Amino acid sequence: MTFDEDTIQTIWEKGRVMQDHDATQWRKDECGAWIYREHYGVTDTEFGWKIEKVMPEVSERADSFRPFHYRNSYNIANGAPHCHVTADRIELAPMEHVDRPRNREL
Protein backbone atom coordinates (compact mmCIF):
# COMPACT_ATOMS: atom_id res chain seq x y z
CA MET A 1 0.00 0.00 0.00
CA THR A 2 1.28 3.48 -0.82
CA PHE A 3 0.80 6.40 1.57
CA ASP A 4 1.13 10.12 0.91
CA GLU A 5 3.49 12.18 3.05
CA ASP A 6 0.70 13.63 5.23
CA THR A 7 -0.59 10.15 6.07
CA ILE A 8 2.93 8.89 6.80
CA GLN A 9 3.42 11.81 9.20
CA THR A 10 0.06 11.19 10.89
CA ILE A 11 0.94 7.53 11.43
CA TRP A 12 4.49 8.45 12.58
CA GLU A 13 2.93 10.60 15.30
CA LYS A 14 1.25 7.48 16.74
CA GLY A 15 4.68 6.14 17.78
CA ARG A 16 5.69 6.52 21.43
CA VAL A 17 7.48 9.77 22.24
CA MET A 18 10.51 9.55 24.50
CA GLN A 19 11.08 12.68 26.60
CA ASP A 20 14.85 12.64 26.22
CA HIS A 21 14.83 12.45 22.38
CA ASP A 22 13.55 14.73 19.62
CA ALA A 23 10.02 13.47 18.82
CA THR A 24 10.25 14.78 15.27
CA GLN A 25 13.09 12.31 14.61
CA TRP A 26 12.84 9.48 17.18
CA ARG A 27 9.92 7.34 18.35
CA LYS A 28 9.34 3.81 19.62
CA ASP A 29 6.94 1.29 18.12
CA GLU A 30 4.52 -0.91 20.10
CA CYS A 31 7.33 -3.42 20.73
CA GLY A 32 9.56 -0.72 22.21
CA ALA A 33 11.94 -0.68 19.22
CA TRP A 34 13.50 2.63 18.22
CA ILE A 35 12.49 4.01 14.84
CA TYR A 36 13.94 7.02 13.03
CA ARG A 37 11.63 9.27 11.00
CA GLU A 38 13.90 9.56 7.95
CA HIS A 39 14.22 5.76 7.70
CA TYR A 40 10.60 5.09 6.66
CA GLY A 41 10.62 2.19 4.20
CA VAL A 42 14.32 1.44 4.79
CA THR A 43 15.18 -2.14 5.75
CA ASP A 44 18.97 -2.05 5.87
CA THR A 45 19.30 0.16 8.94
CA GLU A 46 18.86 -0.44 12.66
CA PHE A 47 16.03 2.09 12.88
CA GLY A 48 14.04 1.49 9.67
CA TRP A 49 10.27 1.38 9.96
CA LYS A 50 7.09 0.57 8.12
CA ILE A 51 3.36 1.10 8.46
CA GLU A 52 1.29 -1.85 9.74
CA LYS A 53 -2.47 -2.28 9.69
CA VAL A 54 -3.80 -2.87 13.23
CA MET A 55 -7.56 -3.01 12.67
CA PRO A 56 -9.43 -5.78 10.85
CA GLU A 57 -11.86 -3.58 8.95
CA VAL A 58 -11.11 -2.61 5.38
CA SER A 59 -10.75 1.07 6.24
CA GLU A 60 -7.85 3.00 4.77
CA ARG A 61 -8.07 5.70 7.44
CA ALA A 62 -4.88 6.54 9.32
CA ASP A 63 -6.54 5.28 12.56
CA SER A 64 -6.20 1.74 11.18
CA PHE A 65 -2.39 1.87 11.03
CA ARG A 66 0.64 2.21 13.36
CA PRO A 67 4.39 2.68 12.85
CA PHE A 68 6.48 -0.46 13.43
CA HIS A 69 10.17 -1.28 13.20
CA TYR A 70 10.58 -3.05 9.85
CA ARG A 71 11.25 -6.40 11.62
CA ASN A 72 8.19 -6.15 13.90
CA SER A 73 4.57 -6.64 12.85
CA TYR A 74 1.01 -6.71 14.16
CA ASN A 75 -1.24 -9.77 14.33
CA ILE A 76 -4.76 -8.47 13.70
CA ALA A 77 -6.36 -11.83 14.58
CA ASN A 78 -4.79 -11.82 18.07
CA GLY A 79 -4.88 -8.05 18.49
CA ALA A 80 -1.23 -7.95 19.52
CA PRO A 81 2.17 -6.93 18.16
CA HIS A 82 4.59 -9.62 17.01
CA CYS A 83 7.97 -8.43 18.26
CA HIS A 84 11.41 -9.44 16.99
CA VAL A 85 13.23 -6.21 17.92
CA THR A 86 13.04 -3.93 20.97
CA ALA A 87 15.15 -1.18 22.52
CA ASP A 88 18.41 -2.32 24.05
CA ARG A 89 18.58 -1.27 27.70
CA ILE A 90 21.15 -3.85 28.75
CA GLU A 91 23.56 -2.38 31.31
CA LEU A 92 21.27 0.61 31.96
CA ALA A 93 19.62 1.33 35.30
CA PRO A 94 15.78 1.37 35.17
CA MET A 95 15.51 5.18 35.29
CA GLU A 96 18.71 5.95 33.36
CA HIS A 97 18.26 7.90 30.12
CA VAL A 98 19.50 6.48 26.85
CA ASP A 99 22.21 8.67 25.35
CA ARG A 100 22.12 6.94 21.96
CA PRO A 101 19.14 4.85 20.79
CA ARG A 102 19.95 1.23 20.06
CA ASN A 103 17.90 -1.90 19.39
CA ARG A 104 18.40 -5.62 20.00
CA GLU A 105 16.93 -8.86 18.69
CA LEU A 106 14.50 -10.67 20.99
C-alpha atoms as a PDB file:
ATOM      1  CA  MET A   1       0.000   0.000   0.000  1.00  0.00           C
ATOM      2  CA  THR A   2       1.276   3.478  -0.822  1.00  0.00           C
ATOM      3  CA  PHE A   3       0.798   6.397   1.568  1.00  0.00           C
ATOM      4  CA  ASP A   4       1.126  10.117   0.908  1.00  0.00           C
ATOM      5  CA  GLU A   5       3.493  12.178   3.055  1.00  0.00           C
ATOM      6  CA  ASP A   6       0.696  13.631   5.229  1.00  0.00           C
ATOM      7  CA  THR A   7      -0.591  10.149   6.069  1.00  0.00           C
ATOM      8  CA  ILE A   8       2.930   8.894   6.802  1.00  0.00           C
ATOM      9  CA  GLN A   9       3.422  11.812   9.201  1.00  0.00           C
ATOM     10  CA  THR A  10       0.060  11.188  10.885  1.00  0.00           C
ATOM     11  CA  ILE A  11       0.943   7.533  11.430  1.00  0.00           C
ATOM     12  CA  TRP A  12       4.486   8.452  12.582  1.00  0.00           C
ATOM     13  CA  GLU A  13       2.931  10.599  15.305  1.00  0.00           C
ATOM     14  CA  LYS A  14       1.254   7.475  16.738  1.00  0.00           C
ATOM     15  CA  GLY A  15       4.679   6.141  17.776  1.00  0.00           C
ATOM     16  CA  ARG A  16       5.690   6.525  21.430  1.00  0.00           C
ATOM     17  CA  VAL A  17       7.478   9.771  22.239  1.00  0.00           C
ATOM     18  CA  MET A  18      10.509   9.549  24.498  1.00  0.00           C
ATOM     19  CA  GLN A  19      11.084  12.684  26.596  1.00  0.00           C
ATOM     20  CA  ASP A  20      14.850  12.641  26.223  1.00  0.00           C
ATOM     21  CA  HIS A  21      14.833  12.454  22.378  1.00  0.00           C
ATOM     22  CA  ASP A  22      13.548  14.733  19.615  1.00  0.00           C
ATOM     23  CA  ALA A  23      10.021  13.468  18.824  1.00  0.00           C
ATOM     24  CA  THR A  24      10.249  14.779  15.269  1.00  0.00           C
ATOM     25  CA  GLN A  25      13.093  12.309  14.612  1.00  0.00           C
ATOM     26  CA  TRP A  26      12.841   9.484  17.183  1.00  0.00           C
ATOM     27  CA  ARG A  27       9.919   7.338  18.349  1.00  0.00           C
ATOM     28  CA  LYS A  28       9.336   3.809  19.615  1.00  0.00           C
ATOM     29  CA  ASP A  29       6.941   1.288  18.119  1.00  0.00           C
ATOM     30  CA  GLU A  30       4.524  -0.908  20.103  1.00  0.00           C
ATOM     31  CA  CYS A  31       7.328  -3.421  20.728  1.00  0.00           C
ATOM     32  CA  GLY A  32       9.558  -0.725  22.206  1.00  0.00           C
ATOM     33  CA  ALA A  33      11.945  -0.684  19.218  1.00  0.00           C
ATOM     34  CA  TRP A  34      13.503   2.633  18.219  1.00  0.00           C
ATOM     35  CA  ILE A  35      12.491   4.012  14.838  1.00  0.00           C
ATOM     36  CA  TYR A  36      13.939   7.022  13.033  1.00  0.00           C
ATOM     37  CA  ARG A  37      11.633   9.273  11.000  1.00  0.00           C
ATOM     38  CA  GLU A  38      13.902   9.563   7.947  1.00  0.00           C
ATOM     39  CA  HIS A  39      14.219   5.764   7.702  1.00  0.00           C
ATOM     40  CA  TYR A  40      10.604   5.095   6.656  1.00  0.00           C
ATOM     41  CA  GLY A  41      10.622   2.190   4.195  1.00  0.00           C
ATOM     42  CA  VAL A  42      14.322   1.444   4.789  1.00  0.00           C
ATOM     43  CA  THR A  43      15.181  -2.144   5.753  1.00  0.00           C
ATOM     44  CA  ASP A  44      18.973  -2.047   5.870  1.00  0.00           C
ATOM     45  CA  THR A  45      19.299   0.161   8.939  1.00  0.00           C
ATOM     46  CA  GLU A  46      18.860  -0.442  12.661  1.00  0.00           C
ATOM     47  CA  PHE A  47      16.028   2.094  12.880  1.00  0.00           C
ATOM     48  CA  GLY A  48      14.039   1.490   9.669  1.00  0.00           C
ATOM     49  CA  TRP A  49      10.272   1.382   9.960  1.00  0.00           C
ATOM     50  CA  LYS A  50       7.088   0.567   8.116  1.00  0.00           C
ATOM     51  CA  ILE A  51       3.363   1.095   8.459  1.00  0.00           C
ATOM     52  CA  GLU A  52       1.293  -1.851   9.737  1.00  0.00           C
ATOM     53  CA  LYS A  53      -2.472  -2.283   9.692  1.00  0.00           C
ATOM     54  CA  VAL A  54      -3.797  -2.867  13.228  1.00  0.00           C
ATOM     55  CA  MET A  55      -7.562  -3.010  12.673  1.00  0.00           C
ATOM     56  CA  PRO A  56      -9.426  -5.781  10.855  1.00  0.00           C
ATOM     57  CA  GLU A  57     -11.864  -3.583   8.949  1.00  0.00           C
ATOM     58  CA  VAL A  58     -11.114  -2.608   5.376  1.00  0.00           C
ATOM     59  CA  SER A  59     -10.749   1.068   6.240  1.00  0.00           C
ATOM     60  CA  GLU A  60      -7.848   2.996   4.769  1.00  0.00           C
ATOM     61  CA  ARG A  61      -8.070   5.701   7.440  1.00  0.00           C
ATOM     62  CA  ALA A  62      -4.882   6.539   9.320  1.00  0.00           C
ATOM     63  CA  ASP A  63      -6.541   5.276  12.560  1.00  0.00           C
ATOM     64  CA  SER A  64      -6.205   1.738  11.177  1.00  0.00           C
ATOM     65  CA  PHE A  65      -2.390   1.874  11.032  1.00  0.00           C
ATOM     66  CA  ARG A  66       0.637   2.214  13.360  1.00  0.00           C
ATOM     67  CA  PRO A  67       4.389   2.685  12.853  1.00  0.00           C
ATOM     68  CA  PHE A  68       6.478  -0.457  13.426  1.00  0.00           C
ATOM     69  CA  HIS A  69      10.172  -1.276  13.196  1.00  0.00           C
ATOM     70  CA  TYR A  70      10.581  -3.051   9.846  1.00  0.00           C
ATOM     71  CA  ARG A  71      11.247  -6.405  11.621  1.00  0.00           C
ATOM     72  CA  ASN A  72       8.187  -6.154  13.896  1.00  0.00           C
ATOM     73  CA  SER A  73       4.568  -6.640  12.854  1.00  0.00           C
ATOM     74  CA  TYR A  74       1.013  -6.710  14.155  1.00  0.00           C
ATOM     75  CA  ASN A  75      -1.241  -9.768  14.333  1.00  0.00           C
ATOM     76  CA  ILE A  76      -4.757  -8.466  13.698  1.00  0.00           C
ATOM     77  CA  ALA A  77      -6.361 -11.826  14.579  1.00  0.00           C
ATOM     78  CA  ASN A  78      -4.789 -11.822  18.067  1.00  0.00           C
ATOM     79  CA  GLY A  79      -4.884  -8.050  18.488  1.00  0.00           C
ATOM     80  CA  ALA A  80      -1.229  -7.945  19.522  1.00  0.00           C
ATOM     81  CA  PRO A  81       2.165  -6.930  18.159  1.00  0.00           C
ATOM     82  CA  HIS A  82       4.591  -9.616  17.011  1.00  0.00           C
ATOM     83  CA  CYS A  83       7.966  -8.431  18.258  1.00  0.00           C
ATOM     84  CA  HIS A  84      11.410  -9.435  16.987  1.00  0.00           C
ATOM     85  CA  VAL A  85      13.233  -6.207  17.919  1.00  0.00           C
ATOM     86  CA  THR A  86      13.044  -3.933  20.972  1.00  0.00           C
ATOM     87  CA  ALA A  87      15.147  -1.179  22.522  1.00  0.00           C
ATOM     88  CA  ASP A  88      18.414  -2.320  24.049  1.00  0.00           C
ATOM     89  CA  ARG A  89      18.579  -1.273  27.695  1.00  0.00           C
ATOM     90  CA  ILE A  90      21.149  -3.851  28.748  1.00  0.00           C
ATOM     91  CA  GLU A  91      23.564  -2.381  31.311  1.00  0.00           C
ATOM     92  CA  LEU A  92      21.268   0.614  31.964  1.00  0.00           C
ATOM     93  CA  ALA A  93      19.618   1.329  35.296  1.00  0.00           C
ATOM     94  CA  PRO A  94      15.781   1.372  35.170  1.00  0.00           C
ATOM     95  CA  MET A  95      15.512   5.184  35.294  1.00  0.00           C
ATOM     96  CA  GLU A  96      18.707   5.950  33.365  1.00  0.00           C
ATOM     97  CA  HIS A  97      18.262   7.903  30.121  1.00  0.00           C
ATOM     98  CA  VAL A  98      19.501   6.484  26.852  1.00  0.00           C
ATOM     99  CA  ASP A  99      22.213   8.667  25.351  1.00  0.00           C
ATOM    100  CA  ARG A 100      22.117   6.937  21.957  1.00  0.00           C
ATOM    101  CA  PRO A 101      19.141   4.848  20.793  1.00  0.00           C
ATOM    102  CA  ARG A 102      19.948   1.225  20.056  1.00  0.00           C
ATOM    103  CA  ASN A 103      17.901  -1.903  19.385  1.00  0.00           C
ATOM    104  CA  ARG A 104      18.400  -5.615  20.000  1.00  0.00           C
ATOM    105  CA  GLU A 105      16.927  -8.860  18.692  1.00  0.00           C
ATOM    106  CA  LEU A 106      14.500 -10.667  20.986  1.00  0.00           C
END
